[in-house]
PDB file of N, CA and C in Angstrom:
ATOM      1  N   MET A   1      17.243   4.552 -14.321  1.00  0.00           N
ATOM      2  CA  MET A   1      17.260   5.413 -13.149  1.00  0.00           C
ATOM      3  C   MET A   1      16.370   6.621 -13.408  1.00  0.00           C
ATOM      4  N   ALA A   2      15.542   6.921 -12.480  1.00  0.00           N
ATOM      5  CA  ALA A   2      14.600   8.021 -12.624  1.00  0.00           C
ATOM      6  C   ALA A   2      15.301   9.376 -12.460  1.00  0.00           C
ATOM      7  N   LYS A   3      14.716  10.385 -13.057  1.00  0.00           N
ATOM      8  CA  LYS A   3      15.239  11.736 -12.885  1.00  0.00           C
ATOM      9  C   LYS A   3      15.079  12.154 -11.431  1.00  0.00           C
ATOM     10  N   GLN A   4      16.011  12.965 -10.951  1.00  0.00           N
ATOM     11  CA  GLN A   4      15.986  13.393  -9.558  1.00  0.00           C
ATOM     12  C   GLN A   4      16.008  14.906  -9.411  1.00  0.00           C
ATOM     13  N   SER A   5      15.871  15.627 -10.480  1.00  0.00           N
ATOM     14  CA  SER A   5      16.062  17.072 -10.394  1.00  0.00           C
ATOM     15  C   SER A   5      15.129  17.723  -9.366  1.00  0.00           C
ATOM     16  N   GLY A   6      13.855  17.377  -9.347  1.00  0.00           N
ATOM     17  CA  GLY A   6      12.937  17.950  -8.365  1.00  0.00           C
ATOM     18  C   GLY A   6      13.315  17.554  -6.955  1.00  0.00           C
ATOM     19  N   TYR A   7      13.685  16.303  -6.802  1.00  0.00           N
ATOM     20  CA  TYR A   7      14.100  15.821  -5.478  1.00  0.00           C
ATOM     21  C   TYR A   7      15.355  16.548  -5.011  1.00  0.00           C
ATOM     22  N   LEU A   8      16.312  16.687  -5.915  1.00  0.00           N
ATOM     23  CA  LEU A   8      17.561  17.365  -5.548  1.00  0.00           C
ATOM     24  C   LEU A   8      17.306  18.813  -5.146  1.00  0.00           C
ATOM     25  N   GLN A   9      16.395  19.465  -5.820  1.00  0.00           N
ATOM     26  CA  GLN A   9      16.080  20.852  -5.469  1.00  0.00           C
ATOM     27  C   GLN A   9      15.536  20.932  -4.047  1.00  0.00           C
ATOM     28  N   ARG A  10      14.635  20.011  -3.691  1.00  0.00           N
ATOM     29  CA  ARG A  10      14.092  20.010  -2.323  1.00  0.00           C
ATOM     30  C   ARG A  10      15.182  19.671  -1.317  1.00  0.00           C
ATOM     31  N   ARG A  11      16.017  18.693  -1.637  1.00  0.00           N
ATOM     32  CA  ARG A  11      17.070  18.273  -0.718  1.00  0.00           C
ATOM     33  C   ARG A  11      18.076  19.396  -0.493  1.00  0.00           C
ATOM     34  N   GLU A  12      18.472  20.053  -1.565  1.00  0.00           N
ATOM     35  CA  GLU A  12      19.439  21.144  -1.445  1.00  0.00           C
ATOM     36  C   GLU A  12      18.881  22.280  -0.593  1.00  0.00           C
ATOM     37  N   ALA A  13      17.585  22.519  -0.687  1.00  0.00           N
ATOM     38  CA  ALA A  13      16.964  23.567   0.116  1.00  0.00           C
ATOM     39  C   ALA A  13      17.038  23.236   1.599  1.00  0.00           C
ATOM     40  N   GLU A  14      17.088  21.945   1.932  1.00  0.00           N
ATOM     41  CA  GLU A  14      17.125  21.524   3.327  1.00  0.00           C
ATOM     42  C   GLU A  14      18.543  21.513   3.912  1.00  0.00           C
ATOM     43  N   LEU A  15      19.531  21.482   3.067  1.00  0.00           N
ATOM     44  CA  LEU A  15      20.915  21.432   3.556  1.00  0.00           C
ATOM     45  C   LEU A  15      21.316  22.769   4.158  1.00  0.00           C
ATOM     46  N   ASP A  16      22.154  22.719   5.153  1.00  0.00           N
ATOM     47  CA  ASP A  16      22.676  23.959   5.746  1.00  0.00           C
ATOM     48  C   ASP A  16      23.493  24.736   4.735  1.00  0.00           C
ATOM     49  N   ALA A  17      23.532  26.042   4.909  1.00  0.00           N
ATOM     50  CA  ALA A  17      24.315  26.897   4.030  1.00  0.00           C
ATOM     51  C   ALA A  17      25.806  26.572   4.138  1.00  0.00           C
ATOM     52  N   THR A  18      26.206  25.960   5.259  1.00  0.00           N
ATOM     53  CA  THR A  18      27.622  25.654   5.463  1.00  0.00           C
ATOM     54  C   THR A  18      28.071  24.363   4.808  1.00  0.00           C
ATOM     55  N   PHE A  19      27.125  23.614   4.253  1.00  0.00           N
ATOM     56  CA  PHE A  19      27.461  22.342   3.623  1.00  0.00           C
ATOM     57  C   PHE A  19      28.189  22.651   2.322  1.00  0.00           C
ATOM     58  N   ASN A  20      29.460  22.358   2.246  1.00  0.00           N
ATOM     59  CA  ASN A  20      30.240  22.793   1.082  1.00  0.00           C
ATOM     60  C   ASN A  20      29.976  21.941  -0.154  1.00  0.00           C
ATOM     61  N   ALA A  21      30.398  22.438  -1.297  1.00  0.00           N
ATOM     62  CA  ALA A  21      30.123  21.795  -2.583  1.00  0.00           C
ATOM     63  C   ALA A  21      30.729  20.403  -2.666  1.00  0.00           C
ATOM     64  N   GLY A  22      31.912  20.212  -2.110  1.00  0.00           N
ATOM     65  CA  GLY A  22      32.551  18.892  -2.140  1.00  0.00           C
ATOM     66  C   GLY A  22      31.749  17.863  -1.370  1.00  0.00           C
ATOM     67  N   ALA A  23      31.267  18.237  -0.207  1.00  0.00           N
ATOM     68  CA  ALA A  23      30.452  17.335   0.590  1.00  0.00           C
ATOM     69  C   ALA A  23      29.129  17.052  -0.102  1.00  0.00           C
ATOM     70  N   ALA A  24      28.540  18.058  -0.712  1.00  0.00           N
ATOM     71  CA  ALA A  24      27.277  17.868  -1.428  1.00  0.00           C
ATOM     72  C   ALA A  24      27.466  16.915  -2.604  1.00  0.00           C
ATOM     73  N   MET A  25      28.591  17.057  -3.308  1.00  0.00           N
ATOM     74  CA  MET A  25      28.858  16.178  -4.434  1.00  0.00           C
ATOM     75  C   MET A  25      29.086  14.744  -3.954  1.00  0.00           C
ATOM     76  N   ALA A  26      29.818  14.581  -2.858  1.00  0.00           N
ATOM     77  CA  ALA A  26      30.044  13.244  -2.302  1.00  0.00           C
ATOM     78  C   ALA A  26      28.729  12.618  -1.853  1.00  0.00           C
ATOM     79  N   MET A  27      27.864  13.417  -1.266  1.00  0.00           N
ATOM     80  CA  MET A  27      26.565  12.928  -0.824  1.00  0.00           C
ATOM     81  C   MET A  27      25.719  12.503  -2.008  1.00  0.00           C
ATOM     82  N   GLN A  28      25.710  13.295  -3.057  1.00  0.00           N
ATOM     83  CA  GLN A  28      24.935  12.936  -4.246  1.00  0.00           C
ATOM     84  C   GLN A  28      25.472  11.649  -4.858  1.00  0.00           C
ATOM     85  N   PHE A  29      26.787  11.502  -4.905  1.00  0.00           N
ATOM     86  CA  PHE A  29      27.393  10.281  -5.452  1.00  0.00           C
ATOM     87  C   PHE A  29      26.998   9.073  -4.606  1.00  0.00           C
ATOM     88  N   ALA A  30      27.031   9.231  -3.274  1.00  0.00           N
ATOM     89  CA  ALA A  30      26.626   8.136  -2.390  1.00  0.00           C
ATOM     90  C   ALA A  30      25.163   7.768  -2.632  1.00  0.00           C
ATOM     91  N   MET A  31      24.315   8.769  -2.785  1.00  0.00           N
ATOM     92  CA  MET A  31      22.896   8.509  -3.015  1.00  0.00           C
ATOM     93  C   MET A  31      22.678   7.830  -4.365  1.00  0.00           C
ATOM     94  N   ASP A  32      23.336   8.328  -5.399  1.00  0.00           N
ATOM     95  CA  ASP A  32      23.197   7.728  -6.729  1.00  0.00           C
ATOM     96  C   ASP A  32      23.626   6.265  -6.714  1.00  0.00           C
ATOM     97  N   THR A  33      24.785   5.990  -6.109  1.00  0.00           N
ATOM     98  CA  THR A  33      25.292   4.621  -6.120  1.00  0.00           C
ATOM     99  C   THR A  33      24.455   3.702  -5.236  1.00  0.00           C
ATOM    100  N   LEU A  34      23.914   4.207  -4.135  1.00  0.00           N
ATOM    101  CA  LEU A  34      23.005   3.399  -3.322  1.00  0.00           C
ATOM    102  C   LEU A  34      21.763   3.044  -4.128  1.00  0.00           C
ATOM    103  N   GLN A  35      21.182   4.030  -4.806  1.00  0.00           N
ATOM    104  CA  GLN A  35      20.001   3.769  -5.616  1.00  0.00           C
ATOM    105  C   GLN A  35      20.309   2.769  -6.725  1.00  0.00           C
ATOM    106  N   MET A  36      21.467   2.876  -7.325  1.00  0.00           N
ATOM    107  CA  MET A  36      21.857   1.947  -8.382  1.00  0.00           C
ATOM    108  C   MET A  36      21.993   0.524  -7.857  1.00  0.00           C
ATOM    109  N   VAL A  37      22.631   0.361  -6.707  1.00  0.00           N
ATOM    110  CA  VAL A  37      22.808  -0.984  -6.165  1.00  0.00           C
ATOM    111  C   VAL A  37      21.473  -1.592  -5.752  1.00  0.00           C
ATOM    112  N   LEU A  38      20.569  -0.784  -5.212  1.00  0.00           N
ATOM    113  CA  LEU A  38      19.248  -1.295  -4.858  1.00  0.00           C
ATOM    114  C   LEU A  38      18.499  -1.776  -6.095  1.00  0.00           C
ATOM    115  N   HIS A  39      18.689  -1.092  -7.189  1.00  0.00           N
ATOM    116  CA  HIS A  39      18.052  -1.509  -8.441  1.00  0.00           C
ATOM    117  C   HIS A  39      18.749  -2.729  -9.045  1.00  0.00           C
ATOM    118  N   GLN A  40      20.066  -2.679  -9.146  1.00  0.00           N
ATOM    119  CA  GLN A  40      20.807  -3.722  -9.852  1.00  0.00           C
ATOM    120  C   GLN A  40      20.906  -5.036  -9.079  1.00  0.00           C
ATOM    121  N   THR A  41      21.038  -4.971  -7.763  1.00  0.00           N
ATOM    122  CA  THR A  41      21.227  -6.214  -7.004  1.00  0.00           C
ATOM    123  C   THR A  41      19.968  -6.698  -6.301  1.00  0.00           C
ATOM    124  N   GLU A  42      19.063  -5.767  -5.974  1.00  0.00           N
ATOM    125  CA  GLU A  42      17.850  -6.154  -5.248  1.00  0.00           C
ATOM    126  C   GLU A  42      16.607  -6.132  -6.129  1.00  0.00           C
ATOM    127  N   GLY A  43      16.760  -5.563  -7.337  1.00  0.00           N
ATOM    128  CA  GLY A  43      15.639  -5.510  -8.259  1.00  0.00           C
ATOM    129  C   GLY A  43      14.572  -4.483  -7.897  1.00  0.00           C
ATOM    130  N   TRP A  44      14.935  -3.529  -7.058  1.00  0.00           N
ATOM    131  CA  TRP A  44      13.964  -2.529  -6.616  1.00  0.00           C
ATOM    132  C   TRP A  44      13.651  -1.562  -7.745  1.00  0.00           C
ATOM    133  N   GLY A  45      12.414  -1.081  -7.742  1.00  0.00           N
ATOM    134  CA  GLY A  45      11.979  -0.092  -8.710  1.00  0.00           C
ATOM    135  C   GLY A  45      11.938   1.301  -8.096  1.00  0.00           C
ATOM    136  N   TYR A  46      11.423   2.216  -8.888  1.00  0.00           N
ATOM    137  CA  TYR A  46      11.406   3.631  -8.508  1.00  0.00           C
ATOM    138  C   TYR A  46      10.722   3.870  -7.162  1.00  0.00           C
ATOM    139  N   ASP A  47       9.522   3.330  -6.977  1.00  0.00           N
ATOM    140  CA  ASP A  47       8.771   3.617  -5.748  1.00  0.00           C
ATOM    141  C   ASP A  47       9.499   3.138  -4.500  1.00  0.00           C
ATOM    142  N   GLN A  48      10.043   1.920  -4.539  1.00  0.00           N
ATOM    143  CA  GLN A  48      10.785   1.408  -3.386  1.00  0.00           C
ATOM    144  C   GLN A  48      12.035   2.243  -3.131  1.00  0.00           C
ATOM    145  N   ILE A  49      12.741   2.563  -4.186  1.00  0.00           N
ATOM    146  CA  ILE A  49      13.981   3.331  -4.038  1.00  0.00           C
ATOM    147  C   ILE A  49      13.699   4.727  -3.508  1.00  0.00           C
ATOM    148  N   MET A  50      12.642   5.372  -3.983  1.00  0.00           N
ATOM    149  CA  MET A  50      12.317   6.713  -3.493  1.00  0.00           C
ATOM    150  C   MET A  50      11.880   6.672  -2.029  1.00  0.00           C
ATOM    151  N   ARG A  51      11.177   5.614  -1.617  1.00  0.00           N
ATOM    152  CA  ARG A  51      10.789   5.480  -0.210  1.00  0.00           C
ATOM    153  C   ARG A  51      12.041   5.373   0.667  1.00  0.00           C
ATOM    154  N   ILE A  52      12.983   4.537   0.270  1.00  0.00           N
ATOM    155  CA  ILE A  52      14.228   4.391   1.026  1.00  0.00           C
ATOM    156  C   ILE A  52      15.021   5.694   1.005  1.00  0.00           C
ATOM    157  N   THR A  53      15.096   6.345  -0.147  1.00  0.00           N
ATOM    158  CA  THR A  53      15.829   7.609  -0.257  1.00  0.00           C
ATOM    159  C   THR A  53      15.229   8.657   0.675  1.00  0.00           C
ATOM    160  N   HIS A  54      13.924   8.784   0.672  1.00  0.00           N
ATOM    161  CA  HIS A  54      13.251   9.744   1.550  1.00  0.00           C
ATOM    162  C   HIS A  54      13.567   9.437   3.022  1.00  0.00           C
ATOM    163  N   ASN A  55      13.463   8.180   3.399  1.00  0.00           N
ATOM    164  CA  ASN A  55      13.744   7.789   4.787  1.00  0.00           C
ATOM    165  C   ASN A  55      15.211   7.989   5.131  1.00  0.00           C
ATOM    166  N   TRP A  56      16.097   7.739   4.173  1.00  0.00           N
ATOM    167  CA  TRP A  56      17.528   7.915   4.397  1.00  0.00           C
ATOM    168  C   TRP A  56      17.842   9.388   4.675  1.00  0.00           C
ATOM    169  N   VAL A  57      17.253  10.282   3.898  1.00  0.00           N
ATOM    170  CA  VAL A  57      17.470  11.711   4.104  1.00  0.00           C
ATOM    171  C   VAL A  57      16.925  12.137   5.469  1.00  0.00           C
ATOM    172  N   ALA A  58      15.777  11.585   5.855  1.00  0.00           N
ATOM    173  CA  ALA A  58      15.190  11.920   7.162  1.00  0.00           C
ATOM    174  C   ALA A  58      16.091  11.466   8.306  1.00  0.00           C
ATOM    175  N   VAL A  59      16.682  10.288   8.178  1.00  0.00           N
ATOM    176  CA  VAL A  59      17.589   9.796   9.222  1.00  0.00           C
ATOM    177  C   VAL A  59      18.863  10.642   9.255  1.00  0.00           C
ATOM    178  N   GLN A  60      19.356  11.042   8.097  1.00  0.00           N
ATOM    179  CA  GLN A  60      20.524  11.929   8.065  1.00  0.00           C
ATOM    180  C   GLN A  60      20.227  13.235   8.784  1.00  0.00           C
ATOM    181  N   ARG A  61      19.055  13.794   8.523  1.00  0.00           N
ATOM    182  CA  ARG A  61      18.667  15.048   9.168  1.00  0.00           C
ATOM    183  C   ARG A  61      18.572  14.850  10.681  1.00  0.00           C
ATOM    184  N   GLU A  62      18.015  13.714  11.101  1.00  0.00           N
ATOM    185  CA  GLU A  62      17.857  13.429  12.526  1.00  0.00           C
ATOM    186  C   GLU A  62      19.198  13.307  13.242  1.00  0.00           C
ATOM    187  N   TYR A  63      20.168  12.694  12.581  1.00  0.00           N
ATOM    188  CA  TYR A  63      21.447  12.434  13.238  1.00  0.00           C
ATOM    189  C   TYR A  63      22.556  13.418  12.877  1.00  0.00           C
ATOM    190  N   LYS A  64      22.271  14.386  12.028  1.00  0.00           N
ATOM    191  CA  LYS A  64      23.278  15.387  11.663  1.00  0.00           C
ATOM    192  C   LYS A  64      23.869  16.105  12.878  1.00  0.00           C
ATOM    193  N   PRO A  65      23.083  16.378  13.937  1.00  0.00           N
ATOM    194  CA  PRO A  65      23.669  17.025  15.114  1.00  0.00           C
ATOM    195  C   PRO A  65      24.838  16.250  15.731  1.00  0.00           C
ATOM    196  N   ALA A  66      24.931  14.962  15.470  1.00  0.00           N
ATOM    197  CA  ALA A  66      26.032  14.157  16.007  1.00  0.00           C
ATOM    198  C   ALA A  66      27.385  14.650  15.508  1.00  0.00           C
ATOM    199  N   LEU A  67      27.401  15.291  14.359  1.00  0.00           N
ATOM    200  CA  LEU A  67      28.654  15.743  13.761  1.00  0.00           C
ATOM    201  C   LEU A  67      29.059  17.153  14.177  1.00  0.00           C
ATOM    202  N   ASP A  68      28.193  17.834  14.926  1.00  0.00           N
ATOM    203  CA  ASP A  68      28.454  19.221  15.319  1.00  0.00           C
ATOM    204  C   ASP A  68      28.746  19.285  16.816  1.00  0.00           C
ATOM    205  N   CYS A  69      30.009  19.419  17.166  1.00  0.00           N
ATOM    206  CA  CYS A  69      30.417  19.404  18.576  1.00  0.00           C
ATOM    207  C   CYS A  69      29.791  20.547  19.371  1.00  0.00           C
ATOM    208  N   ARG A  70      29.299  21.583  18.700  1.00  0.00           N
ATOM    209  CA  ARG A  70      28.659  22.713  19.390  1.00  0.00           C
ATOM    210  C   ARG A  70      27.187  22.461  19.685  1.00  0.00           C
ATOM    211  N   ASN A  71      26.629  21.446  19.051  1.00  0.00           N
ATOM    212  CA  ASN A  71      25.212  21.148  19.239  1.00  0.00           C
ATOM    213  C   ASN A  71      25.029  20.420  20.566  1.00  0.00           C
ATOM    214  N   PRO A  72      24.126  20.887  21.418  1.00  0.00           N
ATOM    215  CA  PRO A  72      23.947  20.244  22.719  1.00  0.00           C
ATOM    216  C   PRO A  72      23.428  18.807  22.627  1.00  0.00           C
ATOM    217  N   GLU A  73      22.932  18.408  21.461  1.00  0.00           N
ATOM    218  CA  GLU A  73      22.449  17.042  21.282  1.00  0.00           C
ATOM    219  C   GLU A  73      23.502  16.111  20.688  1.00  0.00           C
ATOM    220  N   ALA A  74      24.689  16.612  20.418  1.00  0.00           N
ATOM    221  CA  ALA A  74      25.698  15.830  19.706  1.00  0.00           C
ATOM    222  C   ALA A  74      26.005  14.503  20.392  1.00  0.00           C
ATOM    223  N   ASP A  75      26.277  14.542  21.681  1.00  0.00           N
ATOM    224  CA  ASP A  75      26.664  13.299  22.363  1.00  0.00           C
ATOM    225  C   ASP A  75      25.517  12.294  22.389  1.00  0.00           C
ATOM    226  N   VAL A  76      24.300  12.771  22.561  1.00  0.00           N
ATOM    227  CA  VAL A  76      23.139  11.880  22.581  1.00  0.00           C
ATOM    228  C   VAL A  76      22.946  11.240  21.213  1.00  0.00           C
ATOM    229  N   ARG A  77      23.067  12.025  20.161  1.00  0.00           N
ATOM    230  CA  ARG A  77      22.907  11.490  18.800  1.00  0.00           C
ATOM    231  C   ARG A  77      24.003  10.471  18.483  1.00  0.00           C
ATOM    232  N   GLN A  78      25.222  10.751  18.943  1.00  0.00           N
ATOM    233  CA  GLN A  78      26.311   9.801  18.721  1.00  0.00           C
ATOM    234  C   GLN A  78      26.024   8.468  19.408  1.00  0.00           C
ATOM    235  N   GLU A  79      25.555   8.532  20.639  1.00  0.00           N
ATOM    236  CA  GLU A  79      25.216   7.315  21.377  1.00  0.00           C
ATOM    237  C   GLU A  79      24.061   6.572  20.713  1.00  0.00           C
ATOM    238  N   HIS A  80      23.067   7.306  20.239  1.00  0.00           N
ATOM    239  CA  HIS A  80      21.937   6.670  19.555  1.00  0.00           C
ATOM    240  C   HIS A  80      22.406   5.968  18.290  1.00  0.00           C
ATOM    241  N   MET A  81      23.300   6.612  17.550  1.00  0.00           N
ATOM    242  CA  MET A  81      23.829   5.983  16.347  1.00  0.00           C
ATOM    243  C   MET A  81      24.532   4.680  16.694  1.00  0.00           C
ATOM    244  N   ASP A  82      25.382   4.709  17.705  1.00  0.00           N
ATOM    245  CA  ASP A  82      26.088   3.492  18.122  1.00  0.00           C
ATOM    246  C   ASP A  82      25.105   2.410  18.549  1.00  0.00           C
ATOM    247  N   ARG A  83      24.068   2.790  19.262  1.00  0.00           N
ATOM    248  CA  ARG A  83      23.082   1.823  19.742  1.00  0.00           C
ATOM    249  C   ARG A  83      22.346   1.154  18.575  1.00  0.00           C
ATOM    250  N   VAL A  84      21.918   1.948  17.599  1.00  0.00           N
ATOM    251  CA  VAL A  84      21.209   1.384  16.452  1.00  0.00           C
ATOM    252  C   VAL A  84      22.142   0.495  15.637  1.00  0.00           C
ATOM    253  N   LEU A  85      23.368   0.938  15.426  1.00  0.00           N
ATOM    254  CA  LEU A  85      24.318   0.123  14.665  1.00  0.00           C
ATOM    255  C   LEU A  85      24.643  -1.174  15.399  1.00  0.00           C
ATOM    256  N   ALA A  86      24.751  -1.127  16.718  1.00  0.00           N
ATOM    257  CA  ALA A  86      24.987  -2.350  17.504  1.00  0.00           C
ATOM    258  C   ALA A  86      23.810  -3.309  17.343  1.00  0.00           C
ATOM    259  N   GLU A  87      22.609  -2.764  17.302  1.00  0.00           N
ATOM    260  CA  GLU A  87      21.421  -3.596  17.084  1.00  0.00           C
ATOM    261  C   GLU A  87      21.474  -4.257  15.708  1.00  0.00           C
ATOM    262  N   ILE A  88      21.896  -3.504  14.704  1.00  0.00           N
ATOM    263  CA  ILE A  88      22.016  -4.054  13.345  1.00  0.00           C
ATOM    264  C   ILE A  88      23.068  -5.155  13.316  1.00  0.00           C
ATOM    265  N   ILE A  89      24.209  -4.903  13.923  1.00  0.00           N
ATOM    266  CA  ILE A  89      25.317  -5.858  13.932  1.00  0.00           C
ATOM    267  C   ILE A  89      24.925  -7.121  14.689  1.00  0.00           C
ATOM    268  N   SER A  90      24.205  -6.940  15.780  1.00  0.00           N
ATOM    269  CA  SER A  90      23.665  -8.050  16.567  1.00  0.00           C
ATOM    270  C   SER A  90      24.713  -9.120  16.872  1.00  0.00           C
ATOM    271  N   GLY A  91      25.910  -8.678  17.293  1.00  0.00           N
ATOM    272  CA  GLY A  91      26.954  -9.603  17.704  1.00  0.00           C
ATOM    273  C   GLY A  91      27.698 -10.283  16.567  1.00  0.00           C
ATOM    274  N   LYS A  92      27.389  -9.974  15.318  1.00  0.00           N
ATOM    275  CA  LYS A  92      28.040 -10.622  14.175  1.00  0.00           C
ATOM    276  C   LYS A  92      29.379  -9.992  13.826  1.00  0.00           C
ATOM    277  N   ALA A  93      29.637  -8.839  14.377  1.00  0.00           N
ATOM    278  CA  ALA A  93      30.902  -8.133  14.165  1.00  0.00           C
ATOM    279  C   ALA A  93      31.080  -7.194  15.349  1.00  0.00           C
ATOM    280  N   GLU A  94      32.251  -6.633  15.436  1.00  0.00           N
ATOM    281  CA  GLU A  94      32.512  -5.679  16.518  1.00  0.00           C
ATOM    282  C   GLU A  94      32.066  -4.290  16.090  1.00  0.00           C
ATOM    283  N   LEU A  95      31.357  -3.610  16.977  1.00  0.00           N
ATOM    284  CA  LEU A  95      30.944  -2.235  16.694  1.00  0.00           C
ATOM    285  C   LEU A  95      32.157  -1.324  16.778  1.00  0.00           C
ATOM    286  N   ILE A  96      32.351  -0.544  15.752  1.00  0.00           N
ATOM    287  CA  ILE A  96      33.363   0.507  15.785  1.00  0.00           C
ATOM    288  C   ILE A  96      32.630   1.746  16.282  1.00  0.00           C
ATOM    289  N   ARG A  97      33.005   2.216  17.448  1.00  0.00           N
ATOM    290  CA  ARG A  97      32.299   3.315  18.108  1.00  0.00           C
ATOM    291  C   ARG A  97      32.471   4.620  17.320  1.00  0.00           C
ATOM    292  N   PHE A  98      31.567   5.549  17.583  1.00  0.00           N
ATOM    293  CA  PHE A  98      31.505   6.813  16.855  1.00  0.00           C
ATOM    294  C   PHE A  98      32.863   7.511  16.735  1.00  0.00           C
ATOM    295  N   PRO A  99      33.620   7.689  17.827  1.00  0.00           N
ATOM    296  CA  PRO A  99      34.894   8.416  17.694  1.00  0.00           C
ATOM    297  C   PRO A  99      35.887   7.741  16.737  1.00  0.00           C
ATOM    298  N   GLU A 100      35.825   6.425  16.631  1.00  0.00           N
ATOM    299  CA  GLU A 100      36.720   5.722  15.706  1.00  0.00           C
ATOM    300  C   GLU A 100      36.191   5.768  14.270  1.00  0.00           C
ATOM    301  N   ARG A 101      34.862   5.773  14.114  1.00  0.00           N
ATOM    302  CA  ARG A 101      34.282   5.862  12.774  1.00  0.00           C
ATOM    303  C   ARG A 101      34.444   7.255  12.187  1.00  0.00           C
ATOM    304  N   TYR A 102      34.479   8.257  13.049  1.00  0.00           N
ATOM    305  CA  TYR A 102      34.586   9.651  12.626  1.00  0.00           C
ATOM    306  C   TYR A 102      35.798  10.301  13.301  1.00  0.00           C
ATOM    307  N   PRO A 103      36.991   9.865  12.957  1.00  0.00           N
ATOM    308  CA  PRO A 103      38.171  10.377  13.662  1.00  0.00           C
ATOM    309  C   PRO A 103      38.424  11.869  13.441  1.00  0.00           C
ATOM    310  N   ASN A 104      37.871  12.435  12.395  1.00  0.00           N
ATOM    311  CA  ASN A 104      38.084  13.861  12.128  1.00  0.00           C
ATOM    312  C   ASN A 104      37.010  14.762  12.724  1.00  0.00           C
ATOM    313  N   ALA A 105      36.025  14.159  13.368  1.00  0.00           N
ATOM    314  CA  ALA A 105      34.996  14.966  14.019  1.00  0.00           C
ATOM    315  C   ALA A 105      35.601  15.652  15.240  1.00  0.00           C
ATOM    316  N   LYS A 106      35.260  16.888  15.419  1.00  0.00           N
ATOM    317  CA  LYS A 106      35.784  17.628  16.580  1.00  0.00           C
ATOM    318  C   LYS A 106      35.191  17.028  17.860  1.00  0.00           C
ATOM    319  N   LYS A 107      36.011  16.971  18.886  1.00  0.00           N
ATOM    320  CA  LYS A 107      35.590  16.409  20.162  1.00  0.00           C
ATOM    321  C   LYS A 107      34.646  17.376  20.887  1.00  0.00           C
ATOM    322  N   ILE A 108      33.685  16.802  21.587  1.00  0.00           N
ATOM    323  CA  ILE A 108      32.732  17.598  22.340  1.00  0.00           C
ATOM    324  C   ILE A 108      33.426  18.088  23.609  1.00  0.00           C
ATOM    325  N   LYS A 109      33.322  19.394  23.861  1.00  0.00           N
ATOM    326  CA  LYS A 109      33.900  19.993  25.071  1.00  0.00           C
ATOM    327  C   LYS A 109      32.759  20.591  25.866  1.00  0.00           C
ATOM    328  N   TYR A 110      32.417  19.937  26.918  1.00  0.00           N
ATOM    329  CA  TYR A 110      31.280  20.377  27.729  1.00  0.00           C
ATOM    330  C   TYR A 110      31.616  21.644  28.498  1.00  0.00           C
ATOM    331  N   GLY A 111      30.724  22.626  28.424  1.00  0.00           N
ATOM    332  CA  GLY A 111      30.849  23.853  29.207  1.00  0.00           C
ATOM    333  C   GLY A 111      31.990  24.746  28.820  1.00  0.00           C
ATOM    334  N   ARG A 112      32.553  24.581  27.648  1.00  0.00           N
ATOM    335  CA  ARG A 112      33.666  25.447  27.222  1.00  0.00           C
ATOM    336  C   ARG A 112      33.335  26.129  25.946  1.00  0.00           C
TER     337      ARG A 112
END
């Protein structure tokens, strides 16, 4: 596994100040284990894994507003996430919609 210290420094700079240490640690663990599985089961090397990691972070940044009920784009991002996941599933399983996948996310209250 390649060193990630430079990458982590850039990633941490992009995270919101409100992103707590526990969430950051969970995110790093998820990233580490994803990179490990791509290497161990798919035989991917550093360049492929870094390309996927970079794209994964970009998609997280794009859809992060879905988790913030105060963000005016939250509902649109949630719907986009469901749409892309439904495309991935392609009828092979039932889509679990955003509110069920994220039961602890605060509900969007329009105009309040």
